Amino acid sequence: MANPPSDPNFFKDFEIHDAVYKTVGDHDISLSILVPKTLVSDANDSHGKRPVIARFHGGFLVGGTRLYSDWFPDWILELAISRQAILVTPDYRLLPEANGLDILSDLNDFWSWMQHNFESSLSSAYPSSTIKPDLDKVLVEGESAGGYLAAQSMLLHPGINISAAILVYPMVHLRDRYWDERYEKPMFGESLLPFDKVEQHLRDLPQGPIVTADEALEKGTEQTRNDLAVRIVQNGRFLDYLGRQSEVFPVENISRAKKLPPFVWIFHGRQDTAVPFYGSERFVEELRAQRPDVNVRFEGYDGDHGFDGDATISEGWMKDGMIEVCKYW
């Protein structure tokens, strides 16, 4: 289950600024602001308020990092450049060291930072510029576990003016046997793996650990937290670590949502072996039934987890959906 190391040239068209948006104990939790270089070049006079993309990384809420290039969609960078948008991507606490309520707390503090500290952080980075984030034009996006956080953002944070949401093969239907029962789940070509490595990992932890990034994944070594995630899900233990409180389940938050973005686009591979396609079907069914005021675009395509790796915003199946996104955002 090895992954390539993070590519340092992947973000070559962006200036990257890191900031701490929260501290738990003595552990800082950070985010990255990605500004297109074309936006801050001397030749560009289109400063002022710029649209914002808030992107959440995947990894089953167990692994991943905010700037791991192999899991970062090329098309999101393409979109940011085409719209001269500012992109923000945060880390967050990870399972099994944390739980679902911890992660939702981090999500809450991320959005608080966006509202109260984002503009000043940009001003510090570009003191002679007039660039500002337009918090009335916010697109939220996430893949897999990131889709979970994008969905929870739109469901639990009515104070954020989210113009549109893109949920990419999202983990949005979690009160389901797939996440809560042990049986054969051939994820990423792996047959049912034993649970003992997860137990050993937990035994080896120092007291009160906080983990917000998978450093092995970034370096391209084999022993990544992705292996832990697969073992947890295959053995039906995911909800043991996420928790079973109603608010950690996006489907159950639909009825609580006080405000939703006018447009939600969900796409998912029908042959997804990591996050079942029927989970998105279930979420869309509830969303359409309870919130008919929201324009929901739902598409299933042939492919496994990560099938959108070669997609571009101006060609093929993605083009029409992106045109619709930009009508709202």
Protein backbone atom coordinates (compact mmCIF):
# COMPACT_ATOMS: atom_id res chain seq x y z
CA MET A 1 0.00 0.00 0.00
CA ALA A 2 2.93 2.31 -0.76
CA ASN A 3 2.29 5.80 -2.10
CA PRO A 4 4.70 8.12 -3.92
CA PRO A 5 6.25 10.93 -1.88
CA SER A 6 4.74 14.38 -2.05
CA ASP A 7 5.91 16.23 -5.17
CA PRO A 8 7.53 19.58 -4.25
CA ASN A 9 6.79 20.94 -7.75
CA PHE A 10 3.08 20.18 -7.64
CA PHE A 11 2.14 23.63 -6.30
CA LYS A 12 4.64 25.55 -8.45
CA ASP A 13 1.97 27.98 -9.68
CA PHE A 14 1.03 29.06 -6.15
CA GLU A 15 2.53 30.95 -3.27
CA ILE A 16 1.89 29.02 -0.06
CA HIS A 17 1.47 30.57 3.37
CA ASP A 18 1.01 28.40 6.46
CA ALA A 19 -0.87 29.52 9.55
CA VAL A 20 -1.89 27.97 12.86
CA TYR A 21 -5.64 28.12 13.28
CA LYS A 22 -5.87 26.24 16.56
CA THR A 23 -3.71 24.89 19.38
CA VAL A 24 -4.68 21.88 21.49
CA GLY A 25 -2.41 21.57 24.49
CA ASP A 26 0.99 22.28 22.95
CA HIS A 27 0.02 20.89 19.53
CA ASP A 28 -0.53 23.43 16.76
CA ILE A 29 -3.04 22.59 14.03
CA SER A 30 -2.24 24.34 10.78
CA LEU A 31 -3.71 25.30 7.45
CA SER A 32 -2.20 26.43 4.18
CA ILE A 33 -3.27 29.40 2.06
CA LEU A 34 -2.53 28.94 -1.64
CA VAL A 35 -2.50 32.11 -3.71
CA PRO A 36 -2.08 31.88 -7.49
CA LYS A 37 1.20 33.54 -8.47
CA THR A 38 -0.61 35.23 -11.34
CA LEU A 39 -2.85 36.96 -8.79
CA VAL A 40 0.06 38.60 -6.97
CA SER A 41 2.28 39.34 -9.95
CA ASP A 42 3.20 42.97 -10.59
CA ALA A 43 1.39 42.78 -13.92
CA ASN A 44 -1.92 41.85 -12.31
CA ASP A 45 -4.21 44.67 -11.29
CA SER A 46 -7.25 42.48 -10.48
CA HIS A 47 -6.74 42.79 -6.76
CA GLY A 48 -9.52 43.43 -4.29
CA LYS A 49 -11.88 40.74 -3.11
CA ARG A 50 -11.22 37.28 -4.54
CA PRO A 51 -13.40 34.14 -4.31
CA VAL A 52 -12.36 31.44 -1.85
CA ILE A 53 -12.05 27.65 -2.09
CA ALA A 54 -11.97 25.73 1.20
CA ARG A 55 -10.64 22.25 0.44
CA PHE A 56 -10.54 19.33 2.89
CA HIS A 57 -8.20 16.38 2.39
CA GLY A 58 -9.18 12.72 2.44
CA GLY A 59 -7.79 9.68 4.24
CA PHE A 60 -10.78 8.12 6.07
CA LEU A 61 -10.30 10.75 8.82
CA VAL A 62 -7.36 8.53 9.82
CA GLY A 63 -4.59 9.60 7.41
CA GLY A 64 -3.63 12.16 4.82
CA THR A 65 -2.27 15.68 5.07
CA ARG A 66 -3.38 18.99 3.69
CA LEU A 67 -0.68 19.35 1.02
CA TYR A 68 -0.03 15.74 0.04
CA SER A 69 0.25 16.16 -3.72
CA ASP A 70 -0.79 12.65 -4.81
CA TRP A 71 -4.21 13.08 -3.17
CA PHE A 72 -4.68 16.73 -4.14
CA PRO A 73 -6.93 17.10 -7.20
CA ASP A 74 -5.25 18.80 -10.15
CA TRP A 75 -8.61 20.20 -11.19
CA ILE A 76 -8.97 22.16 -7.94
CA LEU A 77 -5.71 23.95 -8.65
CA GLU A 78 -6.86 24.52 -12.23
CA LEU A 79 -10.11 26.01 -10.93
CA ALA A 80 -8.31 28.29 -8.47
CA ILE A 81 -6.08 29.66 -11.21
CA SER A 82 -8.91 30.10 -13.72
CA ARG A 83 -10.99 32.06 -11.19
CA GLN A 84 -8.03 33.76 -9.53
CA ALA A 85 -9.36 32.30 -6.29
CA ILE A 86 -7.61 31.90 -2.95
CA LEU A 87 -7.47 28.30 -1.80
CA VAL A 88 -7.34 27.30 1.87
CA THR A 89 -6.75 23.73 3.07
CA PRO A 90 -6.52 22.70 6.75
CA ASP A 91 -5.22 19.76 8.70
CA TYR A 92 -7.38 18.37 11.50
CA ARG A 93 -7.09 15.82 14.27
CA LEU A 94 -7.14 12.23 13.08
CA LEU A 95 -8.71 8.97 14.25
CA PRO A 96 -8.12 6.74 16.17
CA GLU A 97 -6.22 9.08 18.51
CA ALA A 98 -9.06 11.61 18.29
CA ASN A 99 -12.79 11.07 17.80
CA GLY A 100 -15.51 12.51 15.61
CA LEU A 101 -16.45 15.26 18.05
CA ASP A 102 -12.81 16.36 18.23
CA ILE A 103 -12.75 16.62 14.43
CA LEU A 104 -15.99 18.62 14.39
CA SER A 105 -14.46 20.93 17.01
CA ASP A 106 -11.50 21.49 14.70
CA LEU A 107 -13.88 22.16 11.82
CA ASN A 108 -15.68 24.76 13.93
CA ASP A 109 -12.42 26.49 14.83
CA PHE A 110 -11.25 26.42 11.21
CA TRP A 111 -14.37 28.29 10.11
CA SER A 112 -13.98 30.72 13.01
CA TRP A 113 -10.42 31.42 11.84
CA MET A 114 -11.70 31.92 8.29
CA GLN A 115 -14.18 34.53 9.49
CA HIS A 116 -11.94 36.39 11.93
CA ASN A 117 -8.29 35.85 10.94
CA PHE A 118 -8.13 35.03 7.23
CA GLU A 119 -8.10 38.60 5.95
CA SER A 120 -5.46 39.77 8.42
CA SER A 121 -3.28 36.78 7.59
CA LEU A 122 -3.41 37.69 3.90
CA SER A 123 -2.64 41.32 4.71
CA SER A 124 0.43 40.23 6.66
CA ALA A 125 1.60 38.10 3.74
CA TYR A 126 1.01 40.89 1.19
CA PRO A 127 1.20 44.22 3.04
CA SER A 128 1.33 46.29 -0.15
CA SER A 129 -1.52 44.45 -1.88
CA THR A 130 -5.26 45.03 -1.88
CA ILE A 131 -6.05 41.30 -2.11
CA LYS A 132 -8.81 40.25 0.25
CA PRO A 133 -10.86 37.05 0.59
CA ASP A 134 -14.47 37.38 -0.51
CA LEU A 135 -16.26 35.47 2.23
CA ASP A 136 -19.54 35.88 0.36
CA LYS A 137 -18.12 33.68 -2.40
CA VAL A 138 -16.95 30.50 -0.69
CA LEU A 139 -16.79 27.14 -2.43
CA VAL A 140 -16.29 24.13 -0.14
CA GLU A 141 -14.80 20.96 -1.59
CA GLY A 142 -13.48 17.69 -0.27
CA GLU A 143 -12.67 14.20 -1.41
CA SER A 144 -13.64 11.05 0.54
CA ALA A 145 -13.15 11.99 4.21
CA GLY A 146 -12.69 15.52 2.95
CA GLY A 147 -16.15 15.19 1.40
CA TYR A 148 -17.40 14.33 4.89
CA LEU A 149 -15.93 17.58 6.24
CA ALA A 150 -17.24 19.62 3.30
CA ALA A 151 -20.71 18.17 3.91
CA GLN A 152 -20.51 18.83 7.66
CA SER A 153 -19.36 22.39 6.91
CA MET A 154 -22.49 23.15 4.90
CA LEU A 155 -24.79 21.31 7.34
CA LEU A 156 -23.44 22.60 10.66
CA HIS A 157 -22.19 26.10 9.87
CA PRO A 158 -25.05 28.36 8.79
CA GLY A 159 -22.96 31.44 9.55
CA ILE A 160 -20.67 30.72 6.60
CA ASN A 161 -21.86 32.07 3.25
CA ILE A 162 -21.19 28.95 1.22
CA SER A 163 -22.08 29.57 -2.42
CA ALA A 164 -21.63 25.96 -3.55
CA ALA A 165 -20.27 22.62 -2.37
CA ILE A 166 -18.49 19.87 -4.29
CA LEU A 167 -18.51 16.51 -2.52
CA VAL A 168 -16.21 14.00 -4.21
CA TYR A 169 -16.92 10.31 -3.42
CA PRO A 170 -17.79 11.55 0.06
CA MET A 171 -18.13 9.60 3.32
CA VAL A 172 -21.63 10.87 4.07
CA HIS A 173 -23.62 7.74 5.00
CA LEU A 174 -21.79 6.28 7.97
CA ARG A 175 -24.49 4.69 10.11
CA ASP A 176 -24.26 1.61 7.94
CA ARG A 177 -22.93 -1.94 8.26
CA TYR A 178 -20.03 -1.14 5.92
CA TRP A 179 -18.47 1.01 8.66
CA ASP A 180 -19.70 -1.02 11.63
CA GLU A 181 -19.34 -4.71 10.71
CA ARG A 182 -16.40 -6.96 9.87
CA TYR A 183 -16.61 -8.74 6.52
CA GLU A 184 -14.66 -9.07 3.30
CA LYS A 185 -14.13 -5.61 1.78
CA PRO A 186 -11.51 -5.72 -0.99
CA MET A 187 -10.39 -2.10 -0.58
CA PHE A 188 -7.64 -0.98 -2.96
CA GLY A 189 -7.15 -4.62 -3.91
CA GLU A 190 -6.48 -5.66 -0.30
CA SER A 191 -8.42 -8.60 1.09
CA LEU A 192 -9.51 -8.58 4.74
CA LEU A 193 -6.49 -7.54 6.81
CA PRO A 194 -6.14 -8.47 10.49
CA PHE A 195 -6.80 -5.88 13.19
CA ASP A 196 -3.73 -6.63 15.29
CA LYS A 197 -1.62 -3.82 13.80
CA VAL A 198 -4.23 -1.27 14.88
CA GLU A 199 -4.22 -2.67 18.40
CA GLN A 200 -0.41 -2.55 18.47
CA HIS A 201 -0.46 1.03 17.20
CA LEU A 202 -2.79 2.05 20.04
CA ARG A 203 -0.69 0.22 22.64
CA ASP A 204 2.45 2.02 21.46
CA LEU A 205 0.95 5.50 21.70
CA PRO A 206 2.18 7.97 24.31
CA GLN A 207 -0.41 9.25 26.74
CA GLY A 208 -2.75 11.82 25.23
CA PRO A 209 -1.41 11.84 21.65
CA ILE A 210 -2.59 14.27 19.00
CA VAL A 211 -1.98 13.43 15.35
CA THR A 212 -2.85 15.79 12.51
CA ALA A 213 -0.68 14.56 9.63
CA ASP A 214 0.67 11.35 8.12
CA GLU A 215 4.36 12.11 7.75
CA ALA A 216 5.15 8.64 6.36
CA LEU A 217 2.68 9.23 3.54
CA GLU A 218 4.36 12.52 2.60
CA LYS A 219 7.74 10.77 2.46
CA GLY A 220 6.42 7.89 0.35
CA THR A 221 7.24 5.12 2.84
CA GLU A 222 5.08 2.03 3.08
CA GLN A 223 4.02 2.21 6.72
CA THR A 224 1.42 4.94 6.40
CA ARG A 225 -1.74 5.58 8.35
CA ASN A 226 -3.63 4.56 5.22
CA ASP A 227 -2.86 0.99 6.25
CA LEU A 228 -4.41 1.66 9.67
CA ALA A 229 -7.48 3.15 7.99
CA VAL A 230 -8.05 0.12 5.77
CA ARG A 231 -7.74 -2.26 8.72
CA ILE A 232 -10.14 -0.20 10.82
CA VAL A 233 -12.79 -0.07 8.08
CA GLN A 234 -12.43 -3.68 6.93
CA ASN A 235 -12.82 -4.92 10.50
CA GLY A 236 -15.94 -2.84 11.12
CA ARG A 237 -14.36 -0.67 13.80
CA PHE A 238 -14.67 2.78 12.22
CA LEU A 239 -17.60 3.92 14.36
CA ASP A 240 -15.81 2.74 17.50
CA TYR A 241 -13.37 5.61 16.92
CA LEU A 242 -15.60 8.14 15.16
CA GLY A 243 -18.31 7.80 17.79
CA ARG A 244 -22.05 7.28 17.47
CA GLN A 245 -23.40 10.68 18.48
CA SER A 246 -25.99 11.86 16.00
CA GLU A 247 -24.09 14.99 14.99
CA VAL A 248 -21.15 13.02 13.55
CA PHE A 249 -23.50 11.57 10.90
CA PRO A 250 -24.11 13.91 7.92
CA VAL A 251 -27.39 12.26 6.90
CA GLU A 252 -28.82 12.96 10.35
CA ASN A 253 -27.66 16.59 10.22
CA ILE A 254 -29.72 17.37 7.12
CA SER A 255 -32.86 17.90 9.19
CA ARG A 256 -30.93 20.20 11.57
CA ALA A 257 -29.39 22.39 8.89
CA LYS A 258 -30.58 25.98 9.24
CA LYS A 259 -29.07 27.12 5.98
CA LEU A 260 -27.62 25.27 3.00
CA PRO A 261 -25.78 26.44 -0.11
CA PRO A 262 -28.01 26.82 -3.15
CA PHE A 263 -25.98 24.31 -5.16
CA VAL A 264 -24.40 20.97 -4.20
CA TRP A 265 -22.52 18.79 -6.69
CA ILE A 266 -21.75 15.21 -5.74
CA PHE A 267 -19.90 12.76 -7.96
CA HIS A 268 -18.83 9.23 -7.13
CA GLY A 269 -17.40 6.17 -8.87
CA ARG A 270 -19.93 3.36 -9.13
CA GLN A 271 -17.22 0.74 -8.53
CA ASP A 272 -15.71 2.54 -5.52
CA THR A 273 -14.13 -0.09 -3.26
CA ALA A 274 -13.23 2.35 -0.47
CA VAL A 275 -16.40 4.42 0.04
CA PRO A 276 -19.56 2.70 -1.23
CA PHE A 277 -21.41 4.48 -4.04
CA TYR A 278 -24.76 3.74 -2.39
CA GLY A 279 -23.76 6.01 0.51
CA SER A 280 -23.89 9.03 -1.77
CA GLU A 281 -27.20 7.79 -3.19
CA ARG A 282 -28.65 7.64 0.31
CA PHE A 283 -27.37 11.11 1.22
CA VAL A 284 -28.74 12.63 -1.99
CA GLU A 285 -32.10 10.96 -1.44
CA GLU A 286 -32.41 12.55 2.01
CA LEU A 287 -31.08 15.92 0.86
CA ARG A 288 -33.57 16.14 -2.01
CA ALA A 289 -36.46 14.96 0.14
CA GLN A 290 -35.81 17.33 3.05
CA ARG A 291 -34.37 20.34 1.20
CA PRO A 292 -36.04 20.68 -2.22
CA ASP A 293 -34.82 24.30 -2.30
CA VAL A 294 -31.26 23.10 -2.92
CA ASN A 295 -30.15 22.33 -6.47
CA VAL A 296 -28.42 18.95 -6.13
CA ARG A 297 -26.40 17.63 -9.05
CA PHE A 298 -25.54 13.96 -8.50
CA GLU A 299 -23.51 11.90 -10.94
CA GLY A 300 -22.17 8.37 -10.87
CA TYR A 301 -19.34 7.37 -13.18
CA ASP A 302 -17.54 4.14 -13.94
CA GLY A 303 -14.46 3.98 -11.78
CA ASP A 304 -12.97 3.31 -8.37
CA HIS A 305 -11.90 5.68 -5.61
CA GLY A 306 -9.91 8.52 -7.19
CA PHE A 307 -11.35 8.05 -10.67
CA ASP A 308 -11.23 11.83 -11.25
CA GLY A 309 -7.42 11.91 -11.24
CA ASP A 310 -7.15 12.96 -14.89
CA ALA A 311 -10.19 15.27 -14.98
CA THR A 312 -9.96 18.88 -16.09
CA ILE A 313 -12.47 21.66 -15.58
CA SER A 314 -12.77 22.50 -19.28
CA GLU A 315 -13.18 19.08 -20.87
CA GLY A 316 -15.23 15.91 -20.69
CA TRP A 317 -17.64 15.00 -17.94
CA MET A 318 -16.45 17.70 -15.52
CA LYS A 319 -17.02 20.67 -17.83
CA ASP A 320 -20.83 21.03 -17.46
CA GLY A 321 -20.76 20.57 -13.69
CA MET A 322 -18.07 23.19 -13.31
CA ILE A 323 -20.01 25.66 -15.46
CA GLU A 324 -22.95 25.18 -13.09
CA VAL A 325 -20.74 25.64 -10.01
CA CYS A 326 -19.50 28.95 -11.36
CA LYS A 327 -23.07 30.22 -11.83
CA TYR A 328 -23.45 30.15 -8.05
CA TRP A 329 -19.87 30.92 -6.97
